[in-house]
N, C-alpha and C. Protein backbone atom coordinates (compact mmCIF):
# COMPACT_ATOMS: atom_id res chain seq x y z
N TYR A 1 -75.41 1.90 -75.48
CA TYR A 1 -74.94 0.75 -76.21
C TYR A 1 -74.72 -0.43 -75.26
N GLY A 2 -74.08 -0.15 -74.15
CA GLY A 2 -73.78 -1.19 -73.17
C GLY A 2 -75.02 -1.85 -72.60
N ARG A 3 -76.14 -1.14 -72.60
CA ARG A 3 -77.39 -1.69 -72.06
C ARG A 3 -78.25 -2.35 -73.14
N GLY A 4 -77.71 -2.41 -74.36
CA GLY A 4 -78.44 -3.07 -75.44
C GLY A 4 -79.50 -2.20 -76.10
N LYS A 5 -79.50 -0.91 -75.83
CA LYS A 5 -80.46 0.01 -76.46
C LYS A 5 -79.80 0.61 -77.70
N TYR A 6 -79.73 -0.20 -78.75
CA TYR A 6 -78.94 0.16 -79.92
C TYR A 6 -79.54 1.31 -80.72
N GLU A 7 -80.86 1.38 -80.80
CA GLU A 7 -81.50 2.49 -81.53
C GLU A 7 -81.18 3.82 -80.85
N GLU A 8 -81.28 3.83 -79.54
CA GLU A 8 -80.96 5.02 -78.76
C GLU A 8 -79.47 5.37 -78.91
N ALA A 9 -78.64 4.36 -78.86
CA ALA A 9 -77.19 4.56 -78.95
C ALA A 9 -76.80 5.16 -80.29
N VAL A 10 -77.38 4.65 -81.38
CA VAL A 10 -77.02 5.18 -82.69
C VAL A 10 -77.45 6.64 -82.82
N GLU A 11 -78.59 6.99 -82.26
CA GLU A 11 -79.03 8.40 -82.30
C GLU A 11 -78.06 9.29 -81.53
N ARG A 12 -77.58 8.82 -80.41
CA ARG A 12 -76.60 9.60 -79.63
C ARG A 12 -75.28 9.73 -80.37
N TYR A 13 -74.86 8.65 -81.02
CA TYR A 13 -73.63 8.71 -81.80
C TYR A 13 -73.78 9.66 -82.98
N ILE A 14 -74.96 9.71 -83.56
CA ILE A 14 -75.21 10.65 -84.67
C ILE A 14 -75.07 12.09 -84.17
N HIS A 15 -75.58 12.36 -82.98
CA HIS A 15 -75.45 13.71 -82.42
C HIS A 15 -73.99 14.04 -82.07
N ALA A 16 -73.19 13.01 -81.91
CA ALA A 16 -71.77 13.21 -81.55
C ALA A 16 -70.85 13.21 -82.78
N ILE A 17 -71.44 13.19 -83.99
CA ILE A 17 -70.61 13.24 -85.19
C ILE A 17 -69.79 14.52 -85.16
N GLY A 18 -68.52 14.37 -85.42
CA GLY A 18 -67.59 15.49 -85.35
C GLY A 18 -66.84 15.54 -84.04
N TYR A 19 -67.33 14.82 -83.04
CA TYR A 19 -66.69 14.78 -81.73
C TYR A 19 -66.13 13.39 -81.40
N VAL A 20 -66.85 12.37 -81.87
CA VAL A 20 -66.42 10.99 -81.63
C VAL A 20 -65.88 10.45 -82.95
N GLU A 21 -64.74 9.81 -82.89
CA GLU A 21 -64.11 9.24 -84.09
C GLU A 21 -65.05 8.21 -84.74
N PRO A 22 -65.35 8.37 -86.05
CA PRO A 22 -66.25 7.43 -86.72
C PRO A 22 -65.82 5.97 -86.61
N SER A 23 -64.53 5.70 -86.64
CA SER A 23 -64.06 4.31 -86.57
C SER A 23 -64.48 3.64 -85.26
N TYR A 24 -64.55 4.41 -84.19
CA TYR A 24 -65.00 3.87 -82.89
C TYR A 24 -66.46 3.40 -83.00
N VAL A 25 -67.30 4.23 -83.57
CA VAL A 25 -68.73 3.91 -83.70
C VAL A 25 -68.91 2.74 -84.67
N ILE A 26 -68.20 2.77 -85.77
CA ILE A 26 -68.32 1.71 -86.77
C ILE A 26 -67.96 0.36 -86.17
N ARG A 27 -66.89 0.31 -85.40
CA ARG A 27 -66.49 -0.95 -84.76
C ARG A 27 -67.59 -1.49 -83.84
N ARG A 28 -68.28 -0.60 -83.16
CA ARG A 28 -69.35 -1.03 -82.24
C ARG A 28 -70.51 -1.69 -82.98
N PHE A 29 -70.83 -1.16 -84.17
CA PHE A 29 -72.00 -1.64 -84.90
C PHE A 29 -71.65 -2.57 -86.06
N LEU A 30 -70.43 -3.01 -86.14
CA LEU A 30 -70.00 -3.85 -87.26
C LEU A 30 -70.61 -5.25 -87.24
N ASP A 31 -71.14 -5.67 -86.13
CA ASP A 31 -71.82 -6.96 -86.01
C ASP A 31 -72.98 -7.01 -87.01
N SER A 32 -73.14 -8.15 -87.67
CA SER A 32 -74.17 -8.27 -88.71
C SER A 32 -75.58 -8.04 -88.17
N GLN A 33 -75.79 -8.25 -86.88
CA GLN A 33 -77.11 -8.02 -86.29
C GLN A 33 -77.40 -6.53 -86.11
N ARG A 34 -76.38 -5.71 -86.16
CA ARG A 34 -76.53 -4.26 -85.97
C ARG A 34 -76.34 -3.50 -87.27
N ILE A 35 -76.44 -4.19 -88.40
CA ILE A 35 -76.14 -3.58 -89.69
C ILE A 35 -77.06 -2.41 -90.00
N HIS A 36 -78.32 -2.48 -89.59
CA HIS A 36 -79.23 -1.36 -89.85
C HIS A 36 -78.84 -0.13 -89.04
N ASN A 37 -78.30 -0.32 -87.83
CA ASN A 37 -77.81 0.81 -87.04
C ASN A 37 -76.57 1.41 -87.68
N LEU A 38 -75.69 0.56 -88.15
CA LEU A 38 -74.48 1.01 -88.83
C LEU A 38 -74.84 1.79 -90.08
N THR A 39 -75.80 1.29 -90.83
CA THR A 39 -76.25 1.98 -92.05
C THR A 39 -76.76 3.37 -91.72
N ARG A 40 -77.57 3.47 -90.70
CA ARG A 40 -78.13 4.78 -90.28
C ARG A 40 -77.01 5.75 -89.91
N TYR A 41 -76.04 5.29 -89.16
CA TYR A 41 -74.91 6.14 -88.75
C TYR A 41 -74.11 6.60 -89.98
N LEU A 42 -73.82 5.67 -90.87
CA LEU A 42 -73.03 6.00 -92.05
C LEU A 42 -73.77 6.98 -92.98
N GLU A 43 -75.09 6.83 -93.08
CA GLU A 43 -75.86 7.78 -93.88
C GLU A 43 -75.69 9.20 -93.34
N GLU A 44 -75.81 9.33 -92.04
CA GLU A 44 -75.67 10.65 -91.43
C GLU A 44 -74.23 11.18 -91.51
N LEU A 45 -73.28 10.30 -91.47
CA LEU A 45 -71.87 10.70 -91.59
C LEU A 45 -71.61 11.35 -92.95
N HIS A 46 -72.36 10.93 -93.97
CA HIS A 46 -72.22 11.49 -95.31
C HIS A 46 -73.00 12.79 -95.50
N HIS A 47 -73.84 13.13 -94.57
CA HIS A 47 -74.72 14.30 -94.71
C HIS A 47 -73.91 15.58 -94.72
N LYS A 48 -74.30 16.51 -95.56
CA LYS A 48 -73.57 17.77 -95.70
C LYS A 48 -73.51 18.61 -94.43
N LYS A 49 -74.50 18.48 -93.58
CA LYS A 49 -74.51 19.36 -92.40
C LYS A 49 -73.36 19.04 -91.45
N TYR A 50 -72.74 17.89 -91.63
CA TYR A 50 -71.59 17.54 -90.81
C TYR A 50 -70.27 17.82 -91.53
N ALA A 51 -70.36 18.41 -92.71
CA ALA A 51 -69.16 18.63 -93.52
C ALA A 51 -68.27 19.70 -92.92
N ARG A 52 -66.99 19.49 -93.05
CA ARG A 52 -65.99 20.49 -92.66
C ARG A 52 -65.59 21.26 -93.90
N GLU A 53 -64.62 22.14 -93.76
CA GLU A 53 -64.15 22.93 -94.89
C GLU A 53 -63.65 22.04 -96.03
N ARG A 54 -63.02 20.92 -95.71
CA ARG A 54 -62.42 20.05 -96.73
C ARG A 54 -63.44 19.10 -97.35
N GLY A 55 -64.66 19.15 -96.99
CA GLY A 55 -65.65 18.23 -97.54
C GLY A 55 -66.44 17.55 -96.44
N THR A 56 -66.66 16.29 -96.60
CA THR A 56 -67.46 15.53 -95.65
C THR A 56 -66.58 14.83 -94.62
N LEU A 57 -67.15 14.44 -93.54
CA LEU A 57 -66.42 13.66 -92.54
C LEU A 57 -66.25 12.22 -93.01
N ALA A 58 -67.10 11.82 -93.93
CA ALA A 58 -67.03 10.46 -94.46
C ALA A 58 -65.93 10.39 -95.51
N ASN A 59 -65.18 9.30 -95.49
CA ASN A 59 -64.16 9.10 -96.51
C ASN A 59 -64.59 7.98 -97.45
N THR A 60 -63.74 7.62 -98.40
CA THR A 60 -64.12 6.60 -99.38
C THR A 60 -64.39 5.25 -98.72
N ASN A 61 -63.69 4.95 -97.64
CA ASN A 61 -63.94 3.69 -96.95
C ASN A 61 -65.33 3.67 -96.32
N HIS A 62 -65.76 4.82 -95.80
CA HIS A 62 -67.11 4.92 -95.22
C HIS A 62 -68.16 4.74 -96.31
N THR A 63 -67.93 5.36 -97.48
CA THR A 63 -68.86 5.22 -98.59
C THR A 63 -68.95 3.77 -99.04
N THR A 64 -67.79 3.14 -99.18
CA THR A 64 -67.76 1.73 -99.57
C THR A 64 -68.53 0.87 -98.57
N LEU A 65 -68.30 1.11 -97.30
CA LEU A 65 -68.98 0.34 -96.25
C LEU A 65 -70.49 0.56 -96.30
N LEU A 66 -70.92 1.80 -96.47
CA LEU A 66 -72.35 2.10 -96.54
C LEU A 66 -73.00 1.41 -97.73
N LEU A 67 -72.39 1.54 -98.90
CA LEU A 67 -72.96 0.90 -100.08
C LEU A 67 -72.98 -0.62 -99.92
N ASN A 68 -71.95 -1.18 -99.31
CA ASN A 68 -71.93 -2.62 -99.06
C ASN A 68 -72.99 -3.03 -98.03
N CYS A 69 -73.30 -2.16 -97.09
CA CYS A 69 -74.40 -2.43 -96.15
C CYS A 69 -75.72 -2.55 -96.91
N TYR A 70 -75.96 -1.61 -97.83
CA TYR A 70 -77.18 -1.68 -98.64
C TYR A 70 -77.22 -2.98 -99.44
N VAL A 71 -76.09 -3.33 -100.04
CA VAL A 71 -76.02 -4.54 -100.86
C VAL A 71 -76.28 -5.78 -100.00
N LYS A 72 -75.63 -5.83 -98.84
CA LYS A 72 -75.77 -7.01 -97.96
C LYS A 72 -77.21 -7.17 -97.48
N GLN A 73 -77.89 -6.04 -97.27
CA GLN A 73 -79.29 -6.08 -96.82
C GLN A 73 -80.26 -6.24 -98.00
N LYS A 74 -79.71 -6.26 -99.23
CA LYS A 74 -80.53 -6.31 -100.45
C LYS A 74 -81.52 -5.15 -100.48
N ASP A 75 -81.04 -4.00 -100.05
CA ASP A 75 -81.87 -2.81 -99.93
C ASP A 75 -81.65 -1.88 -101.12
N THR A 76 -82.17 -2.29 -102.27
CA THR A 76 -81.97 -1.50 -103.49
C THR A 76 -82.72 -0.17 -103.45
N VAL A 77 -83.80 -0.13 -102.70
CA VAL A 77 -84.58 1.11 -102.59
C VAL A 77 -83.75 2.20 -101.90
N ASN A 78 -83.16 1.87 -100.75
CA ASN A 78 -82.36 2.86 -100.04
C ASN A 78 -81.03 3.14 -100.74
N LEU A 79 -80.49 2.16 -101.44
CA LEU A 79 -79.29 2.39 -102.25
C LEU A 79 -79.58 3.44 -103.30
N ALA A 80 -80.66 3.26 -104.02
CA ALA A 80 -81.05 4.22 -105.06
C ALA A 80 -81.35 5.59 -104.44
N ALA A 81 -82.03 5.60 -103.32
CA ALA A 81 -82.36 6.86 -102.66
C ALA A 81 -81.09 7.59 -102.21
N PHE A 82 -80.13 6.85 -101.67
CA PHE A 82 -78.89 7.47 -101.19
C PHE A 82 -78.11 8.11 -102.33
N ILE A 83 -77.94 7.39 -103.43
CA ILE A 83 -77.13 7.94 -104.51
C ILE A 83 -77.83 9.10 -105.23
N GLN A 84 -79.14 9.22 -105.06
CA GLN A 84 -79.87 10.31 -105.69
C GLN A 84 -80.00 11.54 -104.80
N ARG A 85 -79.62 11.40 -103.53
CA ARG A 85 -79.75 12.53 -102.61
C ARG A 85 -78.78 13.64 -102.99
N THR A 86 -79.22 14.86 -102.82
CA THR A 86 -78.35 16.01 -103.10
C THR A 86 -77.72 16.57 -101.84
N ASP A 87 -78.15 16.06 -100.69
CA ASP A 87 -77.63 16.58 -99.42
C ASP A 87 -76.54 15.70 -98.82
N VAL A 88 -75.96 14.83 -99.64
CA VAL A 88 -74.85 14.00 -99.18
C VAL A 88 -73.64 14.20 -100.07
N LEU A 89 -72.48 14.01 -99.50
CA LEU A 89 -71.23 14.11 -100.23
C LEU A 89 -70.54 12.75 -100.22
N PHE A 90 -70.07 12.32 -101.39
CA PHE A 90 -69.31 11.08 -101.46
C PHE A 90 -68.47 11.07 -102.73
N ASP A 91 -67.51 10.18 -102.77
CA ASP A 91 -66.62 10.02 -103.90
C ASP A 91 -67.36 9.24 -104.98
N ALA A 92 -67.71 9.90 -106.06
CA ALA A 92 -68.51 9.27 -107.11
C ALA A 92 -67.79 8.10 -107.77
N ALA A 93 -66.50 8.25 -108.03
CA ALA A 93 -65.74 7.17 -108.69
C ALA A 93 -65.77 5.90 -107.84
N ASN A 94 -65.59 6.05 -106.56
CA ASN A 94 -65.63 4.91 -105.65
C ASN A 94 -67.03 4.30 -105.61
N ALA A 95 -68.05 5.13 -105.54
CA ALA A 95 -69.42 4.65 -105.49
C ALA A 95 -69.78 3.89 -106.77
N ILE A 96 -69.34 4.38 -107.91
CA ILE A 96 -69.59 3.70 -109.19
C ILE A 96 -68.95 2.32 -109.16
N LYS A 97 -67.72 2.25 -108.70
CA LYS A 97 -67.00 0.98 -108.65
C LYS A 97 -67.69 -0.02 -107.72
N VAL A 98 -68.10 0.44 -106.55
CA VAL A 98 -68.77 -0.46 -105.60
C VAL A 98 -70.08 -0.97 -106.18
N CYS A 99 -70.87 -0.09 -106.78
CA CYS A 99 -72.15 -0.51 -107.37
C CYS A 99 -71.91 -1.49 -108.52
N GLN A 100 -70.92 -1.20 -109.34
CA GLN A 100 -70.58 -2.08 -110.45
C GLN A 100 -70.17 -3.46 -109.94
N ASP A 101 -69.26 -3.50 -108.97
CA ASP A 101 -68.77 -4.76 -108.42
C ASP A 101 -69.89 -5.59 -107.80
N ALA A 102 -70.91 -4.91 -107.27
CA ALA A 102 -72.03 -5.62 -106.64
C ALA A 102 -73.11 -5.99 -107.64
N GLY A 103 -72.94 -5.60 -108.90
CA GLY A 103 -73.92 -5.94 -109.92
C GLY A 103 -75.10 -5.00 -109.99
N HIS A 104 -75.00 -3.85 -109.35
CA HIS A 104 -76.07 -2.85 -109.38
C HIS A 104 -75.76 -1.85 -110.50
N TYR A 105 -75.97 -2.30 -111.74
CA TYR A 105 -75.59 -1.50 -112.90
C TYR A 105 -76.48 -0.29 -113.10
N ASP A 106 -77.75 -0.37 -112.71
CA ASP A 106 -78.62 0.80 -112.80
C ASP A 106 -78.08 1.92 -111.92
N ALA A 107 -77.70 1.58 -110.70
CA ALA A 107 -77.15 2.58 -109.78
C ALA A 107 -75.83 3.12 -110.31
N ALA A 108 -74.99 2.24 -110.83
CA ALA A 108 -73.69 2.67 -111.36
C ALA A 108 -73.85 3.60 -112.56
N THR A 109 -74.77 3.28 -113.47
CA THR A 109 -74.96 4.15 -114.64
C THR A 109 -75.58 5.48 -114.22
N PHE A 110 -76.49 5.45 -113.26
CA PHE A 110 -77.05 6.71 -112.76
C PHE A 110 -75.95 7.61 -112.20
N LEU A 111 -75.08 7.03 -111.39
CA LEU A 111 -73.97 7.79 -110.82
C LEU A 111 -73.04 8.33 -111.90
N ALA A 112 -72.72 7.49 -112.86
CA ALA A 112 -71.82 7.92 -113.94
C ALA A 112 -72.41 9.09 -114.71
N LYS A 113 -73.69 9.03 -115.02
CA LYS A 113 -74.33 10.13 -115.75
C LYS A 113 -74.47 11.38 -114.90
N SER A 114 -74.92 11.22 -113.67
CA SER A 114 -75.19 12.39 -112.83
C SER A 114 -73.92 13.06 -112.32
N HIS A 115 -72.80 12.34 -112.32
CA HIS A 115 -71.54 12.92 -111.86
C HIS A 115 -70.58 13.17 -113.02
N ASP A 116 -71.14 13.25 -114.23
CA ASP A 116 -70.38 13.60 -115.43
C ASP A 116 -69.13 12.73 -115.59
N ARG A 117 -69.36 11.44 -115.61
CA ARG A 117 -68.27 10.46 -115.81
C ARG A 117 -68.64 9.59 -117.01
N PRO A 118 -68.61 10.19 -118.21
CA PRO A 118 -69.08 9.46 -119.40
C PRO A 118 -68.27 8.21 -119.72
N ALA A 119 -66.99 8.20 -119.46
CA ALA A 119 -66.19 7.01 -119.74
C ALA A 119 -66.65 5.84 -118.88
N ASP A 120 -67.00 6.12 -117.63
CA ASP A 120 -67.52 5.06 -116.75
C ASP A 120 -68.85 4.54 -117.27
N TYR A 121 -69.70 5.46 -117.74
CA TYR A 121 -71.01 5.07 -118.27
C TYR A 121 -70.83 4.13 -119.46
N VAL A 122 -69.96 4.50 -120.38
CA VAL A 122 -69.73 3.68 -121.57
C VAL A 122 -69.18 2.31 -121.18
N LYS A 123 -68.26 2.30 -120.25
CA LYS A 123 -67.67 1.03 -119.80
C LYS A 123 -68.74 0.10 -119.22
N ILE A 124 -69.64 0.63 -118.42
CA ILE A 124 -70.72 -0.18 -117.83
C ILE A 124 -71.64 -0.69 -118.93
N GLU A 125 -72.03 0.20 -119.84
CA GLU A 125 -72.93 -0.19 -120.92
C GLU A 125 -72.31 -1.27 -121.80
N MET A 126 -71.03 -1.12 -122.10
CA MET A 126 -70.36 -2.07 -123.01
C MET A 126 -69.99 -3.37 -122.29
N ASP A 127 -69.33 -3.28 -121.15
CA ASP A 127 -68.77 -4.45 -120.50
C ASP A 127 -69.77 -5.26 -119.70
N HIS A 128 -70.74 -4.59 -119.10
CA HIS A 128 -71.64 -5.30 -118.20
C HIS A 128 -73.04 -5.49 -118.77
N ARG A 129 -73.56 -4.49 -119.40
CA ARG A 129 -74.92 -4.57 -119.90
C ARG A 129 -74.99 -5.03 -121.35
N ARG A 130 -73.89 -4.94 -122.03
CA ARG A 130 -73.82 -5.28 -123.46
C ARG A 130 -74.82 -4.47 -124.27
N ASN A 131 -75.01 -3.22 -123.86
CA ASN A 131 -75.93 -2.32 -124.53
C ASN A 131 -75.11 -1.39 -125.43
N TYR A 132 -74.75 -1.92 -126.59
CA TYR A 132 -73.81 -1.23 -127.47
C TYR A 132 -74.40 0.03 -128.10
N GLU A 133 -75.70 0.03 -128.38
CA GLU A 133 -76.34 1.20 -128.99
C GLU A 133 -76.28 2.42 -128.05
N ASN A 134 -76.65 2.21 -126.77
CA ASN A 134 -76.58 3.31 -125.81
C ASN A 134 -75.16 3.83 -125.66
N ALA A 135 -74.21 2.91 -125.63
CA ALA A 135 -72.81 3.31 -125.49
C ALA A 135 -72.39 4.14 -126.69
N LEU A 136 -72.75 3.72 -127.89
CA LEU A 136 -72.39 4.46 -129.09
C LEU A 136 -73.01 5.86 -129.08
N GLU A 137 -74.27 5.94 -128.70
CA GLU A 137 -74.94 7.25 -128.63
C GLU A 137 -74.21 8.17 -127.65
N ASP A 138 -73.79 7.62 -126.53
CA ASP A 138 -73.07 8.42 -125.54
C ASP A 138 -71.71 8.87 -126.06
N ILE A 139 -70.99 7.97 -126.71
CA ILE A 139 -69.68 8.32 -127.26
C ILE A 139 -69.80 9.46 -128.26
N ARG A 140 -70.88 9.48 -129.01
CA ARG A 140 -71.10 10.56 -130.01
C ARG A 140 -71.22 11.94 -129.36
N THR A 141 -71.62 11.97 -128.09
CA THR A 141 -71.78 13.27 -127.42
C THR A 141 -70.48 13.75 -126.76
N PHE A 142 -69.46 12.90 -126.71
CA PHE A 142 -68.19 13.27 -126.08
C PHE A 142 -67.46 14.31 -126.91
N SER A 143 -66.63 15.07 -126.23
CA SER A 143 -65.76 16.01 -126.94
C SER A 143 -64.43 15.33 -127.25
N GLY A 144 -63.66 15.86 -128.14
CA GLY A 144 -62.36 15.42 -128.63
C GLY A 144 -61.70 14.22 -127.99
N ASP A 145 -60.89 14.45 -126.95
CA ASP A 145 -60.07 13.39 -126.35
C ASP A 145 -60.91 12.29 -125.70
N ALA A 146 -61.99 12.67 -125.05
CA ALA A 146 -62.85 11.67 -124.40
C ALA A 146 -63.46 10.74 -125.45
N ALA A 147 -63.93 11.31 -126.55
CA ALA A 147 -64.51 10.49 -127.61
C ALA A 147 -63.47 9.58 -128.23
N GLU A 148 -62.29 10.12 -128.51
CA GLU A 148 -61.22 9.33 -129.11
C GLU A 148 -60.80 8.18 -128.20
N GLY A 149 -60.64 8.45 -126.92
CA GLY A 149 -60.27 7.41 -125.96
C GLY A 149 -61.31 6.31 -125.89
N SER A 150 -62.58 6.67 -125.87
CA SER A 150 -63.66 5.68 -125.81
C SER A 150 -63.73 4.87 -127.09
N ARG A 151 -63.55 5.55 -128.23
CA ARG A 151 -63.55 4.82 -129.50
C ARG A 151 -62.41 3.82 -129.55
N ARG A 152 -61.25 4.25 -129.09
CA ARG A 152 -60.08 3.38 -129.11
C ARG A 152 -60.28 2.18 -128.18
N GLU A 153 -60.83 2.44 -127.00
CA GLU A 153 -60.99 1.37 -126.01
C GLU A 153 -62.10 0.39 -126.37
N HIS A 154 -63.22 0.90 -126.91
CA HIS A 154 -64.40 0.05 -127.13
C HIS A 154 -64.79 -0.12 -128.59
N GLY A 155 -64.06 0.50 -129.50
CA GLY A 155 -64.43 0.47 -130.92
C GLY A 155 -64.51 -0.91 -131.51
N LYS A 156 -63.50 -1.74 -131.28
CA LYS A 156 -63.48 -3.09 -131.85
C LYS A 156 -64.69 -3.90 -131.39
N GLU A 157 -64.96 -3.82 -130.10
CA GLU A 157 -66.08 -4.57 -129.54
C GLU A 157 -67.39 -4.07 -130.13
N ARG A 158 -67.51 -2.75 -130.28
CA ARG A 158 -68.73 -2.17 -130.84
C ARG A 158 -68.94 -2.62 -132.27
N LEU A 159 -67.88 -2.61 -133.06
CA LEU A 159 -67.99 -3.02 -134.46
C LEU A 159 -68.33 -4.50 -134.58
N ALA A 160 -67.87 -5.30 -133.65
CA ALA A 160 -68.16 -6.74 -133.68
C ALA A 160 -69.64 -7.03 -133.45
N HIS A 161 -70.38 -6.05 -132.92
CA HIS A 161 -71.80 -6.26 -132.61
C HIS A 161 -72.74 -5.49 -133.52
N GLY A 162 -72.29 -5.19 -134.72
CA GLY A 162 -73.17 -4.55 -135.69
C GLY A 162 -72.58 -3.29 -136.25
N PRO A 163 -73.19 -2.74 -137.28
CA PRO A 163 -72.66 -1.54 -137.92
C PRO A 163 -72.78 -0.32 -137.01
N ALA A 164 -71.83 0.59 -137.15
CA ALA A 164 -71.79 1.78 -136.31
C ALA A 164 -72.71 2.84 -136.80
């Protein structure tokens, strides 16, 4: 890193995952010119092979930072690829929120559906996409309390946009 060989440095830091504190590495690559190196490191930090008994070495802040790196780079391809990977661990609720806040509703709805978070899916469809038909269809598949909660929260808005 000190010699300016950032690609080499990030590979070495990846091999040191579990030994070197992630915050140390993140601080080194936080410069906007090194964002692609930071992204690479954070992707590997989320990888299952580095997971401990309690889950992944990556925490919600790391997930937020990684997703924001994709957003800042306008890298929707790698964002979509990351959230679809099965070999990574991350907090789905946090990832949905970050994608939603960044306006990546396709990614947010994919996460909500694939991580069994129907209330989040309905909220995105109703509040951001204004796709009331899809939201209604999804609410119909909910069981008892989940369906009732969604109807109570979004029912008025749904009725205002056509017959149920």
